[in-house]
Amino acid sequence: MSQLQTFRSTGIIPHLSGAAVAALKARASAWEVPLIESPDQLSMFVWDCELRLKIEPDCLRIDLSGPEARLIGILRDSATELFEEAGLTAEWDQLDIGALAPGLSLLRVESVASRTPGFIRVRVTGPEAGRFAERGLHFRLLLPPSGRDPVWPRISASGRTDWPKGEDALHRPVYTVVAQADDWLDFDIFRHANSPTCDWALSEPVGQPVGILGPGGGWCPNARRLWLFGDETALPAIARMLDLAEGEVFASISASVMDLAEMEADHRVTQVGDLLSALREHERFGEDDFVWFAGPADQAREARKHLTSLGLPKKSFTAAAYWG
C-alpha cells in the first residue's frame, strides 16, 4: 500500500524564549485548533499540518510537517509572522528565495464569455490547473494594475511572502472554481458597478497571465443532509457543492431566475425572496445535517445568531459574509 508523502520545513529561534510558546498557544486558541503540550515541546495542528516547537539547550527548534509543499509554505509564512509579532526571528534551514508564493500558479486567460445577465464566465489554462479540483472551493485571483507588467509575490529571505506594493500592488478578490478538467478551470464573476474584476474581464484579457492562489476556503461539507442558503454572489459556490455533495442537498437561493441558469430545473433548488426568512422557517436541523449560509455581512451575522440559538455546534454550520 502506498504511503502519503510528507513535506517538511525546519528552522530555529536562536535563543530560548517563553514568548514563542505563549504566542503559539494564543494563536491555537484564537484559531480554535488542537494544541498538544509536553515538557519539552509544543505542537499546533492546522490545515492538516503540524507546527512543532521543541526546546533544545540553547534554542527553540521549529519543525513543520504536512501533506503538501504549498501548505508547508503557507504555515511557514504564518509562523514567521507570528514570531515576528512576538519580537522574535525565525531562521529557516532551507528557503527557495525568490520562488513564487506558496500556492501561487500562473495561468493564462483562454476565454471570457457572458454566462448569464449577472455573470461573466472566465476560463484560464495552465499545467497546474488540476490541483484546484480539490481541497478547497475557492482561490484568490491576482490581477496586476492595468498597463503595468505583473510583479508576483515571492518568498523572501525571512520566509515570509513579499507582496508587491505601491503602483505594482495586486487586486486580490476571492472566486470559486465552478468547473475544472485537464489543464483548465472556470470561474464566474458577478457583474456589479465599481468592480475592478468586472472591468478587467470586459477589457478583452484573453492571452494575459493571471495569478491563481489557493485552493482554500473549505470543501463541500460531508453531511447526510446539506442545507444551502445564498444570494446571487454565492451562486458559483452553491453550484459547485450541488455537483460535489454525496448526501441530500436542499438549496434556497435569492437570485433572479435568469442567473439560476441550469439550477432552475434542479429539484433540489428553491428560489426565495428573503434568505433569513427562508432560514428561520427551520426551527431545528438534524444531528447529521450541515447548514451553509452566504450573503451580505449583516445577514450572515443574523444567520450565525439564529443557528447558534438552535443549539447547532460550530462544526455543523458556516455563515459567511460574501459582501457588505
C-alpha atoms as a PDB file:
ATOM      1  CA  MET A   1       0.000   0.000   0.000  1.00  0.00           C
ATOM      2  CA  SER A   2       1.397   3.404  -0.968  1.00  0.00           C
ATOM      3  CA  GLN A   3       2.114   5.928   1.761  1.00  0.00           C
ATOM      4  CA  LEU A   4       1.217   9.581   1.580  1.00  0.00           C
ATOM      5  CA  GLN A   5       4.217  11.847   1.119  1.00  0.00           C
ATOM      6  CA  THR A   6       5.058  14.176   3.985  1.00  0.00           C
ATOM      7  CA  PHE A   7       6.655  17.556   3.349  1.00  0.00           C
ATOM      8  CA  ARG A   8       8.751  19.353   5.954  1.00  0.00           C
ATOM      9  CA  SER A   9      10.423  22.629   6.753  1.00  0.00           C
ATOM     10  CA  THR A  10      12.696  23.203   9.743  1.00  0.00           C
ATOM     11  CA  GLY A  11      14.325  26.140  11.454  1.00  0.00           C
ATOM     12  CA  ILE A  12      15.244  27.649  14.799  1.00  0.00           C
ATOM     13  CA  ILE A  13      14.537  30.590  17.041  1.00  0.00           C
ATOM     14  CA  PRO A  14      18.157  31.169  18.102  1.00  0.00           C
ATOM     15  CA  HIS A  15      17.531  31.646  21.809  1.00  0.00           C
ATOM     16  CA  LEU A  16      15.152  30.198  24.361  1.00  0.00           C
ATOM     17  CA  SER A  17      12.055  32.311  24.786  1.00  0.00           C
ATOM     18  CA  GLY A  18       8.776  31.843  26.558  1.00  0.00           C
ATOM     19  CA  ALA A  19       7.322  34.420  24.163  1.00  0.00           C
ATOM     20  CA  ALA A  20       7.321  31.913  21.287  1.00  0.00           C
ATOM     21  CA  VAL A  21       5.448  29.328  23.329  1.00  0.00           C
ATOM     22  CA  ALA A  22       2.959  31.927  24.552  1.00  0.00           C
ATOM     23  CA  ALA A  23       2.415  33.211  21.011  1.00  0.00           C
ATOM     24  CA  LEU A  24       1.745  29.709  19.661  1.00  0.00           C
ATOM     25  CA  LYS A  25      -0.696  28.957  22.489  1.00  0.00           C
ATOM     26  CA  ALA A  26      -2.545  32.213  21.821  1.00  0.00           C
ATOM     27  CA  ARG A  27      -2.739  31.506  18.083  1.00  0.00           C
ATOM     28  CA  ALA A  28      -4.092  27.984  18.632  1.00  0.00           C
ATOM     29  CA  SER A  29      -6.737  29.395  20.963  1.00  0.00           C
ATOM     30  CA  ALA A  30      -7.705  32.160  18.525  1.00  0.00           C
ATOM     31  CA  TRP A  31      -7.971  29.712  15.630  1.00  0.00           C
ATOM     32  CA  GLU A  32      -9.651  27.052  17.798  1.00  0.00           C
ATOM     33  CA  VAL A  33      -7.267  24.338  16.611  1.00  0.00           C
ATOM     34  CA  PRO A  34      -5.717  21.436  18.580  1.00  0.00           C
ATOM     35  CA  LEU A  35      -2.635  22.049  20.710  1.00  0.00           C
ATOM     36  CA  ILE A  36      -0.599  19.320  22.428  1.00  0.00           C
ATOM     37  CA  GLU A  37       1.952  20.247  25.098  1.00  0.00           C
ATOM     38  CA  SER A  38       4.647  18.157  26.776  1.00  0.00           C
ATOM     39  CA  PRO A  39       7.589  19.188  28.993  1.00  0.00           C
ATOM     40  CA  ASP A  40       9.966  19.716  26.063  1.00  0.00           C
ATOM     41  CA  GLN A  41       7.744  20.526  23.087  1.00  0.00           C
ATOM     42  CA  LEU A  42       4.512  22.104  21.885  1.00  0.00           C
ATOM     43  CA  SER A  43       2.545  21.157  18.743  1.00  0.00           C
ATOM     44  CA  MET A  44      -0.249  23.019  16.963  1.00  0.00           C
ATOM     45  CA  PHE A  45      -2.305  21.208  14.299  1.00  0.00           C
ATOM     46  CA  VAL A  46      -3.879  23.210  11.475  1.00  0.00           C
ATOM     47  CA  TRP A  47      -4.599  22.734   7.720  1.00  0.00           C
ATOM     48  CA  ASP A  48      -3.702  19.016   8.069  1.00  0.00           C
ATOM     49  CA  CYS A  49      -0.225  20.157   9.157  1.00  0.00           C
ATOM     50  CA  GLU A  50       1.749  20.180  12.406  1.00  0.00           C
ATOM     51  CA  LEU A  51       3.814  23.081  13.728  1.00  0.00           C
ATOM     52  CA  ARG A  52       6.101  21.764  16.466  1.00  0.00           C
ATOM     53  CA  LEU A  53       8.263  23.832  18.811  1.00  0.00           C
ATOM     54  CA  LYS A  54      10.940  21.732  20.527  1.00  0.00           C
ATOM     55  CA  ILE A  55      13.020  23.066  23.408  1.00  0.00           C
ATOM     56  CA  GLU A  56      16.759  22.449  22.916  1.00  0.00           C
ATOM     57  CA  PRO A  57      19.634  23.545  25.181  1.00  0.00           C
ATOM     58  CA  ASP A  58      20.231  26.910  23.519  1.00  0.00           C
ATOM     59  CA  CYS A  59      17.348  27.452  21.106  1.00  0.00           C
ATOM     60  CA  LEU A  60      13.838  26.534  20.041  1.00  0.00           C
ATOM     61  CA  ARG A  61      13.656  24.204  17.048  1.00  0.00           C
ATOM     62  CA  ILE A  62      10.737  24.643  14.651  1.00  0.00           C
ATOM     63  CA  ASP A  63       9.511  21.609  12.711  1.00  0.00           C
ATOM     64  CA  LEU A  64       6.691  21.899  10.165  1.00  0.00           C
ATOM     65  CA  SER A  65       5.196  18.797   8.535  1.00  0.00           C
ATOM     66  CA  GLY A  66       2.201  18.252   6.274  1.00  0.00           C
ATOM     67  CA  PRO A  67       0.793  16.647   3.120  1.00  0.00           C
ATOM     68  CA  GLU A  68       1.579  19.449   0.628  1.00  0.00           C
ATOM     69  CA  ALA A  69       4.561  21.700  -0.009  1.00  0.00           C
ATOM     70  CA  ARG A  70       2.035  24.509  -0.569  1.00  0.00           C
ATOM     71  CA  LEU A  71       0.566  24.107   2.911  1.00  0.00           C
ATOM     72  CA  ILE A  72       4.021  23.961   4.490  1.00  0.00           C
ATOM     73  CA  GLY A  73       4.929  27.219   2.757  1.00  0.00           C
ATOM     74  CA  ILE A  74       1.763  28.920   3.974  1.00  0.00           C
ATOM     75  CA  LEU A  75       2.331  27.660   7.524  1.00  0.00           C
ATOM     76  CA  ARG A  76       5.966  28.839   7.444  1.00  0.00           C
ATOM     77  CA  ASP A  77       4.815  32.294   6.307  1.00  0.00           C
ATOM     78  CA  SER A  78       2.234  32.406   9.103  1.00  0.00           C
ATOM     79  CA  ALA A  79       4.694  31.160  11.747  1.00  0.00           C
ATOM     80  CA  THR A  80       7.339  33.692  10.715  1.00  0.00           C
ATOM     81  CA  GLU A  81       4.805  36.497  11.049  1.00  0.00           C
ATOM     82  CA  LEU A  82       3.576  35.166  14.401  1.00  0.00           C
ATOM     83  CA  PHE A  83       7.060  35.076  15.899  1.00  0.00           C
ATOM     84  CA  GLU A  84       7.946  38.494  14.460  1.00  0.00           C
ATOM     85  CA  GLU A  85       4.905  39.916  16.241  1.00  0.00           C
ATOM     86  CA  ALA A  86       6.343  38.463  19.460  1.00  0.00           C
ATOM     87  CA  GLY A  87       9.693  40.189  18.802  1.00  0.00           C
ATOM     88  CA  LEU A  88      11.442  37.001  17.668  1.00  0.00           C
ATOM     89  CA  THR A  89      13.231  35.950  14.487  1.00  0.00           C
ATOM     90  CA  ALA A  90      12.794  32.524  12.924  1.00  0.00           C
ATOM     91  CA  GLU A  91      15.813  31.268  10.972  1.00  0.00           C
ATOM     92  CA  TRP A  92      14.768  28.638   8.415  1.00  0.00           C
ATOM     93  CA  ASP A  93      17.165  25.907   7.302  1.00  0.00           C
ATOM     94  CA  GLN A  94      16.212  25.913   3.621  1.00  0.00           C
ATOM     95  CA  LEU A  95      14.323  28.557   1.679  1.00  0.00           C
ATOM     96  CA  ASP A  96      13.647  28.805  -2.031  1.00  0.00           C
ATOM     97  CA  ILE A  97      14.229  32.557  -2.012  1.00  0.00           C
ATOM     98  CA  GLY A  98      12.621  34.290  -4.979  1.00  0.00           C
ATOM     99  CA  ALA A  99      10.238  31.429  -5.765  1.00  0.00           C
ATOM    100  CA  LEU A 100       6.567  32.202  -6.306  1.00  0.00           C
ATOM    101  CA  ALA A 101       4.468  32.479  -3.152  1.00  0.00           C
ATOM    102  CA  PRO A 102       3.194  29.158  -1.754  1.00  0.00           C
ATOM    103  CA  GLY A 103       0.089  28.044  -3.624  1.00  0.00           C
ATOM    104  CA  LEU A 104       0.524  30.524  -6.481  1.00  0.00           C
ATOM    105  CA  SER A 105       0.142  29.292 -10.063  1.00  0.00           C
ATOM    106  CA  LEU A 106       0.443  31.461 -13.151  1.00  0.00           C
ATOM    107  CA  LEU A 107      -2.260  30.628 -15.686  1.00  0.00           C
ATOM    108  CA  ARG A 108      -3.354  32.265 -18.918  1.00  0.00           C
ATOM    109  CA  VAL A 109      -6.801  33.540 -19.872  1.00  0.00           C
ATOM    110  CA  GLU A 110      -8.254  31.342 -22.617  1.00  0.00           C
ATOM    111  CA  SER A 111     -11.779  32.745 -22.932  1.00  0.00           C
ATOM    112  CA  VAL A 112     -14.257  35.244 -21.485  1.00  0.00           C
ATOM    113  CA  ALA A 113     -17.991  34.950 -22.164  1.00  0.00           C
ATOM    114  CA  SER A 114     -21.322  36.159 -20.828  1.00  0.00           C
ATOM    115  CA  ARG A 115     -22.681  33.283 -18.745  1.00  0.00           C
ATOM    116  CA  THR A 116     -25.992  34.873 -17.675  1.00  0.00           C
ATOM    117  CA  PRO A 117     -27.157  38.500 -17.391  1.00  0.00           C
ATOM    118  CA  GLY A 118     -25.498  38.662 -13.987  1.00  0.00           C
ATOM    119  CA  PHE A 119     -22.327  36.623 -14.521  1.00  0.00           C
ATOM    120  CA  ILE A 120     -19.229  36.531 -16.711  1.00  0.00           C
ATOM    121  CA  ARG A 121     -17.548  33.137 -17.240  1.00  0.00           C
ATOM    122  CA  VAL A 122     -13.742  33.109 -17.437  1.00  0.00           C
ATOM    123  CA  ARG A 123     -11.603  30.118 -18.392  1.00  0.00           C
ATOM    124  CA  VAL A 124      -7.896  30.038 -17.562  1.00  0.00           C
ATOM    125  CA  THR A 125      -5.419  27.362 -18.594  1.00  0.00           C
ATOM    126  CA  GLY A 126      -2.074  26.046 -17.452  1.00  0.00           C
ATOM    127  CA  PRO A 127      -0.337  22.844 -16.363  1.00  0.00           C
ATOM    128  CA  GLU A 128      -1.164  23.439 -12.666  1.00  0.00           C
ATOM    129  CA  ALA A 129      -4.920  23.927 -13.124  1.00  0.00           C
ATOM    130  CA  GLY A 130      -5.620  20.369 -11.976  1.00  0.00           C
ATOM    131  CA  ARG A 131      -4.610  20.995  -8.376  1.00  0.00           C
ATOM    132  CA  PHE A 132      -7.576  23.370  -7.983  1.00  0.00           C
ATOM    133  CA  ALA A 133     -10.018  20.472  -8.404  1.00  0.00           C
ATOM    134  CA  GLU A 134      -9.860  19.508  -4.713  1.00  0.00           C
ATOM    135  CA  ARG A 135      -9.017  20.576  -1.154  1.00  0.00           C
ATOM    136  CA  GLY A 136     -10.762  23.947  -1.473  1.00  0.00           C
ATOM    137  CA  LEU A 137     -13.646  25.564  -3.322  1.00  0.00           C
ATOM    138  CA  HIS A 138     -12.087  28.995  -3.608  1.00  0.00           C
ATOM    139  CA  PHE A 139      -8.958  30.824  -4.741  1.00  0.00           C
ATOM    140  CA  ARG A 140      -7.591  34.349  -4.930  1.00  0.00           C
ATOM    141  CA  LEU A 141      -7.373  35.877  -8.385  1.00  0.00           C
ATOM    142  CA  LEU A 142      -4.273  38.087  -8.584  1.00  0.00           C
ATOM    143  CA  LEU A 143      -4.589  40.890 -11.122  1.00  0.00           C
ATOM    144  CA  PRO A 144      -1.831  43.436 -11.818  1.00  0.00           C
ATOM    145  CA  PRO A 145      -2.739  47.104 -12.319  1.00  0.00           C
ATOM    146  CA  SER A 146      -3.852  47.959 -15.834  1.00  0.00           C
ATOM    147  CA  GLY A 147      -0.962  48.937 -18.061  1.00  0.00           C
ATOM    148  CA  ARG A 148       1.779  47.543 -15.802  1.00  0.00           C
ATOM    149  CA  ASP A 149       3.815  44.383 -16.140  1.00  0.00           C
ATOM    150  CA  PRO A 150       2.821  41.944 -13.387  1.00  0.00           C
ATOM    151  CA  VAL A 151       5.009  41.679 -10.300  1.00  0.00           C
ATOM    152  CA  TRP A 152       4.116  38.461  -8.481  1.00  0.00           C
ATOM    153  CA  PRO A 153       4.507  37.729  -4.756  1.00  0.00           C
ATOM    154  CA  ARG A 154       7.635  35.725  -3.950  1.00  0.00           C
ATOM    155  CA  ILE A 155       9.337  34.079  -0.979  1.00  0.00           C
ATOM    156  CA  SER A 156      11.703  36.444   0.824  1.00  0.00           C
ATOM    157  CA  ALA A 157      14.853  35.674   2.830  1.00  0.00           C
ATOM    158  CA  SER A 158      12.831  35.860   6.062  1.00  0.00           C
ATOM    159  CA  GLY A 159      10.497  33.048   4.985  1.00  0.00           C
ATOM    160  CA  ARG A 160       7.571  35.390   4.538  1.00  0.00           C
ATOM    161  CA  THR A 161       5.882  36.223   1.252  1.00  0.00           C
ATOM    162  CA  ASP A 162       6.972  39.549  -0.231  1.00  0.00           C
ATOM    163  CA  TRP A 163       3.890  41.140  -1.834  1.00  0.00           C
ATOM    164  CA  PRO A 164       4.243  43.910  -4.453  1.00  0.00           C
ATOM    165  CA  LYS A 165       3.323  47.342  -3.149  1.00  0.00           C
ATOM    166  CA  GLY A 166       2.559  50.806  -4.429  1.00  0.00           C
ATOM    167  CA  GLU A 167       1.985  51.035  -8.174  1.00  0.00           C
ATOM    168  CA  ASP A 168       2.539  47.273  -8.528  1.00  0.00           C
ATOM    169  CA  ALA A 169       0.045  46.246  -5.812  1.00  0.00           C
ATOM    170  CA  LEU A 170      -2.235  43.443  -6.978  1.00  0.00           C
ATOM    171  CA  HIS A 171      -6.022  43.266  -6.871  1.00  0.00           C
ATOM    172  CA  ARG A 172      -6.794  40.051  -4.904  1.00  0.00           C
ATOM    173  CA  PRO A 173     -10.503  39.103  -4.953  1.00  0.00           C
ATOM    174  CA  VAL A 174     -11.736  35.629  -3.988  1.00  0.00           C
ATOM    175  CA  TYR A 175     -13.575  33.430  -6.504  1.00  0.00           C
ATOM    176  CA  THR A 176     -14.939  29.894  -6.717  1.00  0.00           C
ATOM    177  CA  VAL A 177     -13.800  27.163  -9.080  1.00  0.00           C
ATOM    178  CA  VAL A 178     -17.062  26.250 -10.833  1.00  0.00           C
ATOM    179  CA  ALA A 179     -15.565  23.618 -13.148  1.00  0.00           C
ATOM    180  CA  GLN A 180     -12.172  22.018 -13.722  1.00  0.00           C
ATOM    181  CA  ALA A 181     -10.784  19.378 -16.086  1.00  0.00           C
ATOM    182  CA  ASP A 182      -7.480  18.644 -17.790  1.00  0.00           C
ATOM    183  CA  ASP A 183      -5.436  21.873 -17.906  1.00  0.00           C
ATOM    184  CA  TRP A 184      -8.208  24.423 -17.395  1.00  0.00           C
ATOM    185  CA  LEU A 185     -10.525  25.841 -14.759  1.00  0.00           C
ATOM    186  CA  ASP A 186     -13.603  28.059 -14.977  1.00  0.00           C
ATOM    187  CA  PHE A 187     -14.831  30.741 -12.600  1.00  0.00           C
ATOM    188  CA  ASP A 188     -17.747  33.181 -12.702  1.00  0.00           C
ATOM    189  CA  ILE A 189     -17.594  36.912 -11.972  1.00  0.00           C
ATOM    190  CA  PHE A 190     -20.731  38.598 -10.637  1.00  0.00           C
ATOM    191  CA  ARG A 191     -21.472  41.765 -12.589  1.00  0.00           C
ATOM    192  CA  HIS A 192     -21.721  44.878 -10.422  1.00  0.00           C
ATOM    193  CA  ALA A 193     -20.719  48.516 -10.525  1.00  0.00           C
ATOM    194  CA  ASN A 194     -17.282  49.731  -9.439  1.00  0.00           C
ATOM    195  CA  SER A 195     -15.750  46.267  -9.771  1.00  0.00           C
ATOM    196  CA  PRO A 196     -12.094  46.161 -10.884  1.00  0.00           C
ATOM    197  CA  THR A 197     -12.524  42.484 -11.761  1.00  0.00           C
ATOM    198  CA  CYS A 198     -15.552  43.159 -13.971  1.00  0.00           C
ATOM    199  CA  ASP A 199     -13.641  45.955 -15.682  1.00  0.00           C
ATOM    200  CA  TRP A 200     -10.730  43.580 -16.243  1.00  0.00           C
ATOM    201  CA  ALA A 201     -12.967  40.806 -17.634  1.00  0.00           C
ATOM    202  CA  LEU A 202     -14.567  43.241 -20.078  1.00  0.00           C
ATOM    203  CA  SER A 203     -11.184  44.582 -21.259  1.00  0.00           C
ATOM    204  CA  GLU A 204     -10.543  41.601 -23.569  1.00  0.00           C
ATOM    205  CA  PRO A 205      -7.882  39.915 -21.382  1.00  0.00           C
ATOM    206  CA  VAL A 206      -7.614  36.723 -23.480  1.00  0.00           C
ATOM    207  CA  GLY A 207      -3.970  35.666 -23.588  1.00  0.00           C
ATOM    208  CA  GLN A 208      -2.987  37.590 -20.457  1.00  0.00           C
ATOM    209  CA  PRO A 209      -1.323  35.854 -17.480  1.00  0.00           C
ATOM    210  CA  VAL A 210      -3.114  35.840 -14.130  1.00  0.00           C
ATOM    211  CA  GLY A 211      -2.141  34.591 -10.703  1.00  0.00           C
ATOM    212  CA  ILE A 212      -4.311  31.916  -9.101  1.00  0.00           C
ATOM    213  CA  LEU A 213      -3.573  31.481  -5.379  1.00  0.00           C
ATOM    214  CA  GLY A 214      -5.029  28.548  -3.467  1.00  0.00           C
ATOM    215  CA  PRO A 215      -7.078  26.481  -3.256  1.00  0.00           C
ATOM    216  CA  GLY A 216      -8.670  27.314   0.076  1.00  0.00           C
ATOM    217  CA  GLY A 217     -11.836  28.302   1.855  1.00  0.00           C
ATOM    218  CA  GLY A 218     -13.036  24.830   2.771  1.00  0.00           C
ATOM    219  CA  TRP A 219     -14.527  21.967   0.801  1.00  0.00           C
ATOM    220  CA  CYS A 220     -18.068  20.734   0.304  1.00  0.00           C
ATOM    221  CA  PRO A 221     -19.292  19.632   3.764  1.00  0.00           C
ATOM    222  CA  ASN A 222     -19.730  15.896   4.174  1.00  0.00           C
ATOM    223  CA  ALA A 223     -23.200  15.592   5.692  1.00  0.00           C
ATOM    224  CA  ARG A 224     -26.246  13.365   5.476  1.00  0.00           C
ATOM    225  CA  ARG A 225     -28.268  16.476   4.672  1.00  0.00           C
ATOM    226  CA  LEU A 226     -26.690  19.680   3.384  1.00  0.00           C
ATOM    227  CA  TRP A 227     -28.743  22.886   3.622  1.00  0.00           C
ATOM    228  CA  LEU A 228     -27.516  25.733   1.406  1.00  0.00           C
ATOM    229  CA  PHE A 229     -28.695  29.350   1.667  1.00  0.00           C
ATOM    230  CA  GLY A 230     -27.197  32.057  -0.547  1.00  0.00           C
ATOM    231  CA  ASP A 231     -27.783  35.136  -2.658  1.00  0.00           C
ATOM    232  CA  GLU A 232     -26.538  35.726  -6.201  1.00  0.00           C
ATOM    233  CA  THR A 233     -22.932  36.209  -5.046  1.00  0.00           C
ATOM    234  CA  ALA A 234     -22.992  32.674  -3.629  1.00  0.00           C
ATOM    235  CA  LEU A 235     -24.325  31.052  -6.810  1.00  0.00           C
ATOM    236  CA  PRO A 236     -20.935  29.717  -8.001  1.00  0.00           C
ATOM    237  CA  ALA A 237     -20.196  28.081  -4.633  1.00  0.00           C
ATOM    238  CA  ILE A 238     -23.695  26.600  -4.396  1.00  0.00           C
ATOM    239  CA  ALA A 239     -23.478  25.249  -7.946  1.00  0.00           C
ATOM    240  CA  ARG A 240     -20.163  23.566  -7.138  1.00  0.00           C
ATOM    241  CA  MET A 241     -21.493  21.992  -3.941  1.00  0.00           C
ATOM    242  CA  LEU A 242     -24.585  20.719  -5.741  1.00  0.00           C
ATOM    243  CA  ASP A 243     -22.172  18.844  -8.004  1.00  0.00           C
ATOM    244  CA  LEU A 244     -19.939  17.589  -5.193  1.00  0.00           C
ATOM    245  CA  ALA A 245     -22.389  16.695  -2.413  1.00  0.00           C
ATOM    246  CA  GLU A 246     -22.784  12.988  -1.688  1.00  0.00           C
ATOM    247  CA  GLY A 247     -25.841  13.209   0.576  1.00  0.00           C
ATOM    248  CA  GLU A 248     -29.169  15.002   0.269  1.00  0.00           C
ATOM    249  CA  VAL A 249     -28.981  18.694  -0.628  1.00  0.00           C
ATOM    250  CA  PHE A 250     -31.562  21.462  -0.212  1.00  0.00           C
ATOM    251  CA  ALA A 251     -30.633  24.872  -1.644  1.00  0.00           C
ATOM    252  CA  SER A 252     -32.540  28.124  -1.021  1.00  0.00           C
ATOM    253  CA  ILE A 253     -31.302  30.863  -3.338  1.00  0.00           C
ATOM    254  CA  SER A 254     -32.179  34.554  -3.544  1.00  0.00           C
ATOM    255  CA  ALA A 255     -31.356  35.375  -7.170  1.00  0.00           C
ATOM    256  CA  SER A 256     -33.044  36.036 -10.485  1.00  0.00           C
ATOM    257  CA  VAL A 257     -34.354  33.091 -12.482  1.00  0.00           C
ATOM    258  CA  MET A 258     -32.093  34.032 -15.387  1.00  0.00           C
ATOM    259  CA  ASP A 259     -28.990  33.868 -13.199  1.00  0.00           C
ATOM    260  CA  LEU A 260     -30.010  30.484 -11.803  1.00  0.00           C
ATOM    261  CA  ALA A 261     -29.425  29.083 -15.316  1.00  0.00           C
ATOM    262  CA  GLU A 262     -29.486  25.261 -15.216  1.00  0.00           C
ATOM    263  CA  MET A 263     -30.099  25.298 -11.458  1.00  0.00           C
ATOM    264  CA  GLU A 264     -33.652  26.487 -12.129  1.00  0.00           C
ATOM    265  CA  ALA A 265     -34.525  22.945 -13.253  1.00  0.00           C
ATOM    266  CA  ASP A 266     -32.748  21.278 -10.315  1.00  0.00           C
ATOM    267  CA  HIS A 267     -35.374  19.858  -7.934  1.00  0.00           C
ATOM    268  CA  ARG A 268     -33.009  20.481  -5.006  1.00  0.00           C
ATOM    269  CA  VAL A 269     -33.102  24.258  -5.586  1.00  0.00           C
ATOM    270  CA  THR A 270     -35.785  26.673  -4.348  1.00  0.00           C
ATOM    271  CA  GLN A 271     -35.840  30.326  -5.332  1.00  0.00           C
ATOM    272  CA  VAL A 272     -36.640  32.537  -2.322  1.00  0.00           C
ATOM    273  CA  GLY A 273     -37.168  36.232  -1.789  1.00  0.00           C
ATOM    274  CA  ASP A 274     -35.508  36.593   1.602  1.00  0.00           C
ATOM    275  CA  LEU A 275     -32.671  34.375   2.794  1.00  0.00           C
ATOM    276  CA  LEU A 276     -33.093  34.966   6.517  1.00  0.00           C
ATOM    277  CA  SER A 277     -36.817  34.232   6.360  1.00  0.00           C
ATOM    278  CA  ALA A 278     -36.066  31.008   4.499  1.00  0.00           C
ATOM    279  CA  LEU A 279     -33.521  30.037   7.143  1.00  0.00           C
ATOM    280  CA  ARG A 280     -35.797  30.922  10.069  1.00  0.00           C
ATOM    281  CA  GLU A 281     -38.518  28.646   8.726  1.00  0.00           C
ATOM    282  CA  HIS A 282     -36.365  25.821  10.076  1.00  0.00           C
ATOM    283  CA  GLU A 283     -36.758  25.526  13.834  1.00  0.00           C
ATOM    284  CA  ARG A 284     -34.387  22.580  14.054  1.00  0.00           C
ATOM    285  CA  PHE A 285     -31.855  20.662  12.000  1.00  0.00           C
ATOM    286  CA  GLY A 286     -30.814  17.040  12.296  1.00  0.00           C
ATOM    287  CA  GLU A 287     -27.749  15.843  14.163  1.00  0.00           C
ATOM    288  CA  ASP A 288     -26.057  14.809  10.901  1.00  0.00           C
ATOM    289  CA  ASP A 289     -27.067  17.959   8.979  1.00  0.00           C
ATOM    290  CA  PHE A 290     -24.812  20.815   7.916  1.00  0.00           C
ATOM    291  CA  VAL A 291     -26.067  24.358   7.259  1.00  0.00           C
ATOM    292  CA  TRP A 292     -24.175  26.656   4.884  1.00  0.00           C
ATOM    293  CA  PHE A 293     -25.216  30.321   4.607  1.00  0.00           C
ATOM    294  CA  ALA A 294     -23.586  33.042   2.485  1.00  0.00           C
ATOM    295  CA  GLY A 295     -24.699  36.572   1.687  1.00  0.00           C
ATOM    296  CA  PRO A 296     -24.304  40.158   2.924  1.00  0.00           C
ATOM    297  CA  ALA A 297     -22.418  40.664   6.180  1.00  0.00           C
ATOM    298  CA  ASP A 298     -25.431  41.758   8.247  1.00  0.00           C
ATOM    299  CA  GLN A 299     -27.456  38.715   7.192  1.00  0.00           C
ATOM    300  CA  ALA A 300     -24.514  36.397   7.859  1.00  0.00           C
ATOM    301  CA  ARG A 301     -24.316  37.752  11.418  1.00  0.00           C
ATOM    302  CA  GLU A 302     -28.047  37.197  11.949  1.00  0.00           C
ATOM    303  CA  ALA A 303     -27.817  33.706  10.465  1.00  0.00           C
ATOM    304  CA  ARG A 304     -24.993  32.866  12.861  1.00  0.00           C
ATOM    305  CA  LYS A 305     -27.050  34.075  15.817  1.00  0.00           C
ATOM    306  CA  HIS A 306     -30.081  32.077  14.689  1.00  0.00           C
ATOM    307  CA  LEU A 307     -28.165  28.847  14.155  1.00  0.00           C
ATOM    308  CA  THR A 308     -26.391  29.231  17.483  1.00  0.00           C
ATOM    309  CA  SER A 309     -29.753  29.808  19.205  1.00  0.00           C
ATOM    310  CA  LEU A 310     -30.959  26.493  17.768  1.00  0.00           C
ATOM    311  CA  GLY A 311     -28.124  24.762  19.563  1.00  0.00           C
ATOM    312  CA  LEU A 312     -26.093  23.861  16.481  1.00  0.00           C
ATOM    313  CA  PRO A 313     -22.416  23.316  17.285  1.00  0.00           C
ATOM    314  CA  LYS A 314     -19.914  25.397  15.319  1.00  0.00           C
ATOM    315  CA  LYS A 315     -18.786  22.326  13.400  1.00  0.00           C
ATOM    316  CA  SER A 316     -22.300  21.950  11.941  1.00  0.00           C
ATOM    317  CA  PHE A 317     -22.689  25.290  10.167  1.00  0.00           C
ATOM    318  CA  THR A 318     -20.992  28.073   8.241  1.00  0.00           C
ATOM    319  CA  ALA A 319     -22.332  31.630   7.978  1.00  0.00           C
ATOM    320  CA  ALA A 320     -20.095  33.606   5.633  1.00  0.00           C
ATOM    321  CA  ALA A 321     -20.160  37.276   4.674  1.00  0.00           C
ATOM    322  CA  TYR A 322     -19.676  37.419   0.903  1.00  0.00           C
ATOM    323  CA  TRP A 323     -20.086  41.176   0.699  1.00  0.00           C
ATOM    324  CA  GLY A 324     -21.081  44.283   2.647  1.00  0.00           C
END
